[in-house]
Amino acid sequence: MSDLHDQMLAAHEARDQMALISLYAAAAESANDLDAACFFLTHAYVFALEAGAPQARDLHARLKRHGREA
């Protein structure tokens, strides 16, 4: 995950929201447990909302499937 982590840091520094969405979604896929995955998904979702990105809908649905919204 360190390469992914380094990419995340670079995307934060560059304020590249589209990269952040993809990187946090990728981190969710490689997470070892559901809580960690949903932590990363939540971040990806927030970045998608801020950017007005179409991925927001899918990320929201994934969070709902994992019971992160009632």
PDB file of N, CA and C in Angstrom:
ATOM      1  N   MET A   1       0.826  -1.193   0.000  1.00  0.00           N
ATOM      2  CA  MET A   1       0.000   0.000   0.000  1.00  0.00           C
ATOM      3  C   MET A   1       0.868   1.254   0.000  1.00  0.00           C
ATOM      4  N   SER A   2       2.160   1.147   0.213  1.00  0.00           N
ATOM      5  CA  SER A   2       2.973   2.350   0.313  1.00  0.00           C
ATOM      6  C   SER A   2       3.013   3.110  -1.013  1.00  0.00           C
ATOM      7  N   ASP A   3       3.019   2.412  -2.151  1.00  0.00           N
ATOM      8  CA  ASP A   3       2.975   3.096  -3.438  1.00  0.00           C
ATOM      9  C   ASP A   3       1.648   3.847  -3.574  1.00  0.00           C
ATOM     10  N   LEU A   4       0.564   3.190  -3.196  1.00  0.00           N
ATOM     11  CA  LEU A   4      -0.755   3.828  -3.217  1.00  0.00           C
ATOM     12  C   LEU A   4      -0.773   5.019  -2.266  1.00  0.00           C
ATOM     13  N   HIS A   5      -0.194   4.823  -1.110  1.00  0.00           N
ATOM     14  CA  HIS A   5      -0.117   5.913  -0.124  1.00  0.00           C
ATOM     15  C   HIS A   5       0.659   7.102  -0.689  1.00  0.00           C
ATOM     16  N   ASP A   6       1.780   6.832  -1.320  1.00  0.00           N
ATOM     17  CA  ASP A   6       2.579   7.898  -1.929  1.00  0.00           C
ATOM     18  C   ASP A   6       1.789   8.627  -3.020  1.00  0.00           C
ATOM     19  N   GLN A   7       1.038   7.865  -3.803  1.00  0.00           N
ATOM     20  CA  GLN A   7       0.209   8.471  -4.846  1.00  0.00           C
ATOM     21  C   GLN A   7      -0.890   9.349  -4.228  1.00  0.00           C
ATOM     22  N   MET A   8      -1.449   8.883  -3.124  1.00  0.00           N
ATOM     23  CA  MET A   8      -2.476   9.681  -2.431  1.00  0.00           C
ATOM     24  C   MET A   8      -1.886  11.001  -1.933  1.00  0.00           C
ATOM     25  N   LEU A   9      -0.723  10.917  -1.337  1.00  0.00           N
ATOM     26  CA  LEU A   9      -0.088  12.135  -0.836  1.00  0.00           C
ATOM     27  C   LEU A   9       0.194  13.112  -1.974  1.00  0.00           C
ATOM     28  N   ALA A  10       0.668  12.601  -3.091  1.00  0.00           N
ATOM     29  CA  ALA A  10       0.952  13.461  -4.238  1.00  0.00           C
ATOM     30  C   ALA A  10      -0.336  14.084  -4.785  1.00  0.00           C
ATOM     31  N   ALA A  11      -1.407  13.309  -4.834  1.00  0.00           N
ATOM     32  CA  ALA A  11      -2.689  13.831  -5.322  1.00  0.00           C
ATOM     33  C   ALA A  11      -3.243  14.893  -4.375  1.00  0.00           C
ATOM     34  N   HIS A  12      -3.072  14.675  -3.071  1.00  0.00           N
ATOM     35  CA  HIS A  12      -3.491  15.701  -2.101  1.00  0.00           C
ATOM     36  C   HIS A  12      -2.694  16.985  -2.323  1.00  0.00           C
ATOM     37  N   GLU A  13      -1.403  16.834  -2.476  1.00  0.00           N
ATOM     38  CA  GLU A  13      -0.541  18.003  -2.662  1.00  0.00           C
ATOM     39  C   GLU A  13      -0.906  18.765  -3.940  1.00  0.00           C
ATOM     40  N   ALA A  14      -1.258  18.009  -4.988  1.00  0.00           N
ATOM     41  CA  ALA A  14      -1.617  18.621  -6.266  1.00  0.00           C
ATOM     42  C   ALA A  14      -3.083  19.070  -6.301  1.00  0.00           C
ATOM     43  N   ARG A  15      -3.820  18.731  -5.255  1.00  0.00           N
ATOM     44  CA  ARG A  15      -5.260  19.033  -5.210  1.00  0.00           C
ATOM     45  C   ARG A  15      -5.996  18.452  -6.422  1.00  0.00           C
ATOM     46  N   ASP A  16      -5.614  17.220  -6.767  1.00  0.00           N
ATOM     47  CA  ASP A  16      -6.184  16.512  -7.911  1.00  0.00           C
ATOM     48  C   ASP A  16      -7.341  15.638  -7.431  1.00  0.00           C
ATOM     49  N   GLN A  17      -8.537  16.212  -7.434  1.00  0.00           N
ATOM     50  CA  GLN A  17      -9.686  15.498  -6.881  1.00  0.00           C
ATOM     51  C   GLN A  17     -10.036  14.235  -7.658  1.00  0.00           C
ATOM     52  N   MET A  18      -9.881  14.254  -8.974  1.00  0.00           N
ATOM     53  CA  MET A  18     -10.213  13.061  -9.747  1.00  0.00           C
ATOM     54  C   MET A  18      -9.264  11.910  -9.393  1.00  0.00           C
ATOM     55  N   ALA A  19      -8.006  12.226  -9.215  1.00  0.00           N
ATOM     56  CA  ALA A  19      -7.058  11.197  -8.799  1.00  0.00           C
ATOM     57  C   ALA A  19      -7.395  10.713  -7.393  1.00  0.00           C
ATOM     58  N   LEU A  20      -7.757  11.629  -6.510  1.00  0.00           N
ATOM     59  CA  LEU A  20      -8.103  11.243  -5.142  1.00  0.00           C
ATOM     60  C   LEU A  20      -9.292  10.297  -5.116  1.00  0.00           C
ATOM     61  N   ILE A  21     -10.279  10.552  -5.946  1.00  0.00           N
ATOM     62  CA  ILE A  21     -11.443   9.658  -6.014  1.00  0.00           C
ATOM     63  C   ILE A  21     -10.984   8.256  -6.384  1.00  0.00           C
ATOM     64  N   SER A  22     -10.208   8.151  -7.433  1.00  0.00           N
ATOM     65  CA  SER A  22      -9.737   6.841  -7.901  1.00  0.00           C
ATOM     66  C   SER A  22      -8.835   6.160  -6.883  1.00  0.00           C
ATOM     67  N   LEU A  23      -7.940   6.921  -6.297  1.00  0.00           N
ATOM     68  CA  LEU A  23      -6.984   6.335  -5.352  1.00  0.00           C
ATOM     69  C   LEU A  23      -7.669   5.856  -4.073  1.00  0.00           C
ATOM     70  N   TYR A  24      -8.595   6.644  -3.552  1.00  0.00           N
ATOM     71  CA  TYR A  24      -9.295   6.213  -2.338  1.00  0.00           C
ATOM     72  C   TYR A  24     -10.214   5.026  -2.630  1.00  0.00           C
ATOM     73  N   ALA A  25     -10.813   4.994  -3.813  1.00  0.00           N
ATOM     74  CA  ALA A  25     -11.623   3.828  -4.187  1.00  0.00           C
ATOM     75  C   ALA A  25     -10.738   2.590  -4.314  1.00  0.00           C
ATOM     76  N   ALA A  26      -9.556   2.752  -4.864  1.00  0.00           N
ATOM     77  CA  ALA A  26      -8.616   1.628  -4.972  1.00  0.00           C
ATOM     78  C   ALA A  26      -8.170   1.162  -3.593  1.00  0.00           C
ATOM     79  N   ALA A  27      -7.949   2.110  -2.689  1.00  0.00           N
ATOM     80  CA  ALA A  27      -7.559   1.738  -1.323  1.00  0.00           C
ATOM     81  C   ALA A  27      -8.673   0.942  -0.653  1.00  0.00           C
ATOM     82  N   ALA A  28      -9.913   1.296  -0.944  1.00  0.00           N
ATOM     83  CA  ALA A  28     -11.051   0.552  -0.375  1.00  0.00           C
ATOM     84  C   ALA A  28     -11.027  -0.889  -0.864  1.00  0.00           C
ATOM     85  N   GLU A  29     -10.698  -1.077  -2.127  1.00  0.00           N
ATOM     86  CA  GLU A  29     -10.647  -2.423  -2.698  1.00  0.00           C
ATOM     87  C   GLU A  29      -9.549  -3.273  -2.065  1.00  0.00           C
ATOM     88  N   SER A  30      -8.471  -2.648  -1.664  1.00  0.00           N
ATOM     89  CA  SER A  30      -7.354  -3.417  -1.114  1.00  0.00           C
ATOM     90  C   SER A  30      -7.347  -3.456   0.418  1.00  0.00           C
ATOM     91  N   ALA A  31      -8.342  -2.848   1.042  1.00  0.00           N
ATOM     92  CA  ALA A  31      -8.405  -2.819   2.512  1.00  0.00           C
ATOM     93  C   ALA A  31      -8.645  -4.218   3.068  1.00  0.00           C
ATOM     94  N   ASN A  32      -8.125  -4.441   4.272  1.00  0.00           N
ATOM     95  CA  ASN A  32      -8.210  -5.761   4.899  1.00  0.00           C
ATOM     96  C   ASN A  32      -9.510  -6.025   5.642  1.00  0.00           C
ATOM     97  N   ASP A  33     -10.272  -4.987   5.928  1.00  0.00           N
ATOM     98  CA  ASP A  33     -11.538  -5.207   6.626  1.00  0.00           C
ATOM     99  C   ASP A  33     -12.571  -4.188   6.160  1.00  0.00           C
ATOM    100  N   LEU A  34     -13.822  -4.455   6.488  1.00  0.00           N
ATOM    101  CA  LEU A  34     -14.928  -3.633   6.015  1.00  0.00           C
ATOM    102  C   LEU A  34     -14.857  -2.209   6.537  1.00  0.00           C
ATOM    103  N   ASP A  35     -14.499  -2.029   7.797  1.00  0.00           N
ATOM    104  CA  ASP A  35     -14.409  -0.668   8.341  1.00  0.00           C
ATOM    105  C   ASP A  35     -13.362   0.159   7.608  1.00  0.00           C
ATOM    106  N   ALA A  36     -12.224  -0.439   7.339  1.00  0.00           N
ATOM    107  CA  ALA A  36     -11.176   0.276   6.607  1.00  0.00           C
ATOM    108  C   ALA A  36     -11.640   0.573   5.183  1.00  0.00           C
ATOM    109  N   ALA A  37     -12.281  -0.399   4.547  1.00  0.00           N
ATOM    110  CA  ALA A  37     -12.774  -0.191   3.192  1.00  0.00           C
ATOM    111  C   ALA A  37     -13.773   0.960   3.155  1.00  0.00           C
ATOM    112  N   CYS A  38     -14.682   0.991   4.111  1.00  0.00           N
ATOM    113  CA  CYS A  38     -15.690   2.052   4.142  1.00  0.00           C
ATOM    114  C   CYS A  38     -15.084   3.410   4.500  1.00  0.00           C
ATOM    115  N   PHE A  39     -14.023   3.417   5.281  1.00  0.00           N
ATOM    116  CA  PHE A  39     -13.297   4.657   5.566  1.00  0.00           C
ATOM    117  C   PHE A  39     -12.799   5.262   4.251  1.00  0.00           C
ATOM    118  N   PHE A  40     -12.156   4.432   3.435  1.00  0.00           N
ATOM    119  CA  PHE A  40     -11.630   4.909   2.160  1.00  0.00           C
ATOM    120  C   PHE A  40     -12.752   5.265   1.187  1.00  0.00           C
ATOM    121  N   LEU A  41     -13.817   4.450   1.168  1.00  0.00           N
ATOM    122  CA  LEU A  41     -14.954   4.752   0.301  1.00  0.00           C
ATOM    123  C   LEU A  41     -15.588   6.086   0.660  1.00  0.00           C
ATOM    124  N   THR A  42     -15.691   6.359   1.954  1.00  0.00           N
ATOM    125  CA  THR A  42     -16.275   7.630   2.395  1.00  0.00           C
ATOM    126  C   THR A  42     -15.457   8.800   1.882  1.00  0.00           C
ATOM    127  N   HIS A  43     -14.151   8.681   1.969  1.00  0.00           N
ATOM    128  CA  HIS A  43     -13.292   9.754   1.455  1.00  0.00           C
ATOM    129  C   HIS A  43     -13.466   9.903  -0.054  1.00  0.00           C
ATOM    130  N   ALA A  44     -13.478   8.800  -0.768  1.00  0.00           N
ATOM    131  CA  ALA A  44     -13.676   8.857  -2.215  1.00  0.00           C
ATOM    132  C   ALA A  44     -15.011   9.520  -2.542  1.00  0.00           C
ATOM    133  N   TYR A  45     -16.035   9.178  -1.778  1.00  0.00           N
ATOM    134  CA  TYR A  45     -17.374   9.736  -1.980  1.00  0.00           C
ATOM    135  C   TYR A  45     -17.378  11.246  -1.749  1.00  0.00           C
ATOM    136  N   VAL A  46     -16.755  11.698  -0.688  1.00  0.00           N
ATOM    137  CA  VAL A  46     -16.708  13.132  -0.389  1.00  0.00           C
ATOM    138  C   VAL A  46     -15.962  13.881  -1.499  1.00  0.00           C
ATOM    139  N   PHE A  47     -14.833  13.342  -1.939  1.00  0.00           N
ATOM    140  CA  PHE A  47     -14.106  13.987  -3.037  1.00  0.00           C
ATOM    141  C   PHE A  47     -14.961  14.026  -4.301  1.00  0.00           C
ATOM    142  N   ALA A  48     -15.708  12.954  -4.560  1.00  0.00           N
ATOM    143  CA  ALA A  48     -16.579  12.916  -5.736  1.00  0.00           C
ATOM    144  C   ALA A  48     -17.694  13.955  -5.633  1.00  0.00           C
ATOM    145  N   LEU A  49     -18.260  14.094  -4.449  1.00  0.00           N
ATOM    146  CA  LEU A  49     -19.295  15.115  -4.254  1.00  0.00           C
ATOM    147  C   LEU A  49     -18.729  16.509  -4.478  1.00  0.00           C
ATOM    148  N   GLU A  50     -17.566  16.759  -3.903  1.00  0.00           N
ATOM    149  CA  GLU A  50     -16.942  18.076  -4.043  1.00  0.00           C
ATOM    150  C   GLU A  50     -16.630  18.403  -5.502  1.00  0.00           C
ATOM    151  N   ALA A  51     -16.253  17.387  -6.269  1.00  0.00           N
ATOM    152  CA  ALA A  51     -15.875  17.593  -7.660  1.00  0.00           C
ATOM    153  C   ALA A  51     -17.074  17.544  -8.603  1.00  0.00           C
ATOM    154  N   GLY A  52     -18.228  17.136  -8.076  1.00  0.00           N
ATOM    155  CA  GLY A  52     -19.384  16.951  -8.946  1.00  0.00           C
ATOM    156  C   GLY A  52     -19.182  15.793  -9.904  1.00  0.00           C
ATOM    157  N   ALA A  53     -18.405  14.812  -9.479  1.00  0.00           N
ATOM    158  CA  ALA A  53     -18.031  13.676 -10.327  1.00  0.00           C
ATOM    159  C   ALA A  53     -19.153  12.637 -10.371  1.00  0.00           C
ATOM    160  N   PRO A  54     -19.326  11.998 -11.508  1.00  0.00           N
ATOM    161  CA  PRO A  54     -20.380  10.988 -11.641  1.00  0.00           C
ATOM    162  C   PRO A  54     -20.157   9.751 -10.769  1.00  0.00           C
ATOM    163  N   GLN A  55     -18.928   9.529 -10.326  1.00  0.00           N
ATOM    164  CA  GLN A  55     -18.644   8.371  -9.473  1.00  0.00           C
ATOM    165  C   GLN A  55     -19.356   8.454  -8.131  1.00  0.00           C
ATOM    166  N   ALA A  56     -19.815   9.629  -7.753  1.00  0.00           N
ATOM    167  CA  ALA A  56     -20.460   9.810  -6.441  1.00  0.00           C
ATOM    168  C   ALA A  56     -21.632   8.855  -6.269  1.00  0.00           C
ATOM    169  N   ARG A  57     -22.410   8.683  -7.296  1.00  0.00           N
ATOM    170  CA  ARG A  57     -23.593   7.810  -7.201  1.00  0.00           C
ATOM    171  C   ARG A  57     -23.190   6.369  -6.870  1.00  0.00           C
ATOM    172  N   ASP A  58     -22.199   5.847  -7.574  1.00  0.00           N
ATOM    173  CA  ASP A  58     -21.743   4.475  -7.332  1.00  0.00           C
ATOM    174  C   ASP A  58     -21.112   4.336  -5.949  1.00  0.00           C
ATOM    175  N   LEU A  59     -20.302   5.296  -5.564  1.00  0.00           N
ATOM    176  CA  LEU A  59     -19.662   5.244  -4.243  1.00  0.00           C
ATOM    177  C   LEU A  59     -20.705   5.284  -3.140  1.00  0.00           C
ATOM    178  N   HIS A  60     -21.716   6.106  -3.304  1.00  0.00           N
ATOM    179  CA  HIS A  60     -22.798   6.186  -2.322  1.00  0.00           C
ATOM    180  C   HIS A  60     -23.525   4.846  -2.231  1.00  0.00           C
ATOM    181  N   ALA A  61     -23.807   4.249  -3.371  1.00  0.00           N
ATOM    182  CA  ALA A  61     -24.487   2.947  -3.384  1.00  0.00           C
ATOM    183  C   ALA A  61     -23.647   1.883  -2.680  1.00  0.00           C
ATOM    184  N   ARG A  62     -22.352   1.912  -2.898  1.00  0.00           N
ATOM    185  CA  ARG A  62     -21.472   0.942  -2.235  1.00  0.00           C
ATOM    186  C   ARG A  62     -21.495   1.125  -0.719  1.00  0.00           C
ATOM    187  N   LEU A  63     -21.465   2.357  -0.274  1.00  0.00           N
ATOM    188  CA  LEU A  63     -21.531   2.620   1.171  1.00  0.00           C
ATOM    189  C   LEU A  63     -22.860   2.148   1.748  1.00  0.00           C
ATOM    190  N   LYS A  64     -23.945   2.384   1.029  1.00  0.00           N
ATOM    191  CA  LYS A  64     -25.259   1.936   1.499  1.00  0.00           C
ATOM    192  C   LYS A  64     -25.321   0.410   1.590  1.00  0.00           C
ATOM    193  N   ARG A  65     -24.736  -0.267   0.599  1.00  0.00           N
ATOM    194  CA  ARG A  65     -24.719  -1.748   0.624  1.00  0.00           C
ATOM    195  C   ARG A  65     -23.992  -2.288   1.848  1.00  0.00           C
ATOM    196  N   HIS A  66     -23.046  -1.519   2.352  1.00  0.00           N
ATOM    197  CA  HIS A  66     -22.290  -1.940   3.525  1.00  0.00           C
ATOM    198  C   HIS A  66     -22.901  -1.397   4.820  1.00  0.00           C
ATOM    199  N   GLY A  67     -24.124  -0.885   4.731  1.00  0.00           N
ATOM    200  CA  GLY A  67     -24.844  -0.452   5.923  1.00  0.00           C
ATOM    201  C   GLY A  67     -24.332   0.862   6.511  1.00  0.00           C
ATOM    202  N   ARG A  68     -23.698   1.682   5.704  1.00  0.00           N
ATOM    203  CA  ARG A  68     -23.149   2.937   6.227  1.00  0.00           C
ATOM    204  C   ARG A  68     -24.139   4.083   6.164  1.00  0.00           C
ATOM    205  N   GLU A  69     -25.337   3.793   5.711  1.00  0.00           N
ATOM    206  CA  GLU A  69     -26.407   4.785   5.741  1.00  0.00           C
ATOM    207  C   GLU A  69     -27.708   4.049   6.019  1.00  0.00           C
ATOM    208  N   ALA A  70     -28.492   4.598   6.902  1.00  0.00           N
ATOM    209  CA  ALA A  70     -29.764   3.940   7.251  1.00  0.00           C
ATOM    210  C   ALA A  70     -30.823   4.240   6.224  1.00  0.00           C
TER     211      ALA A  70
END
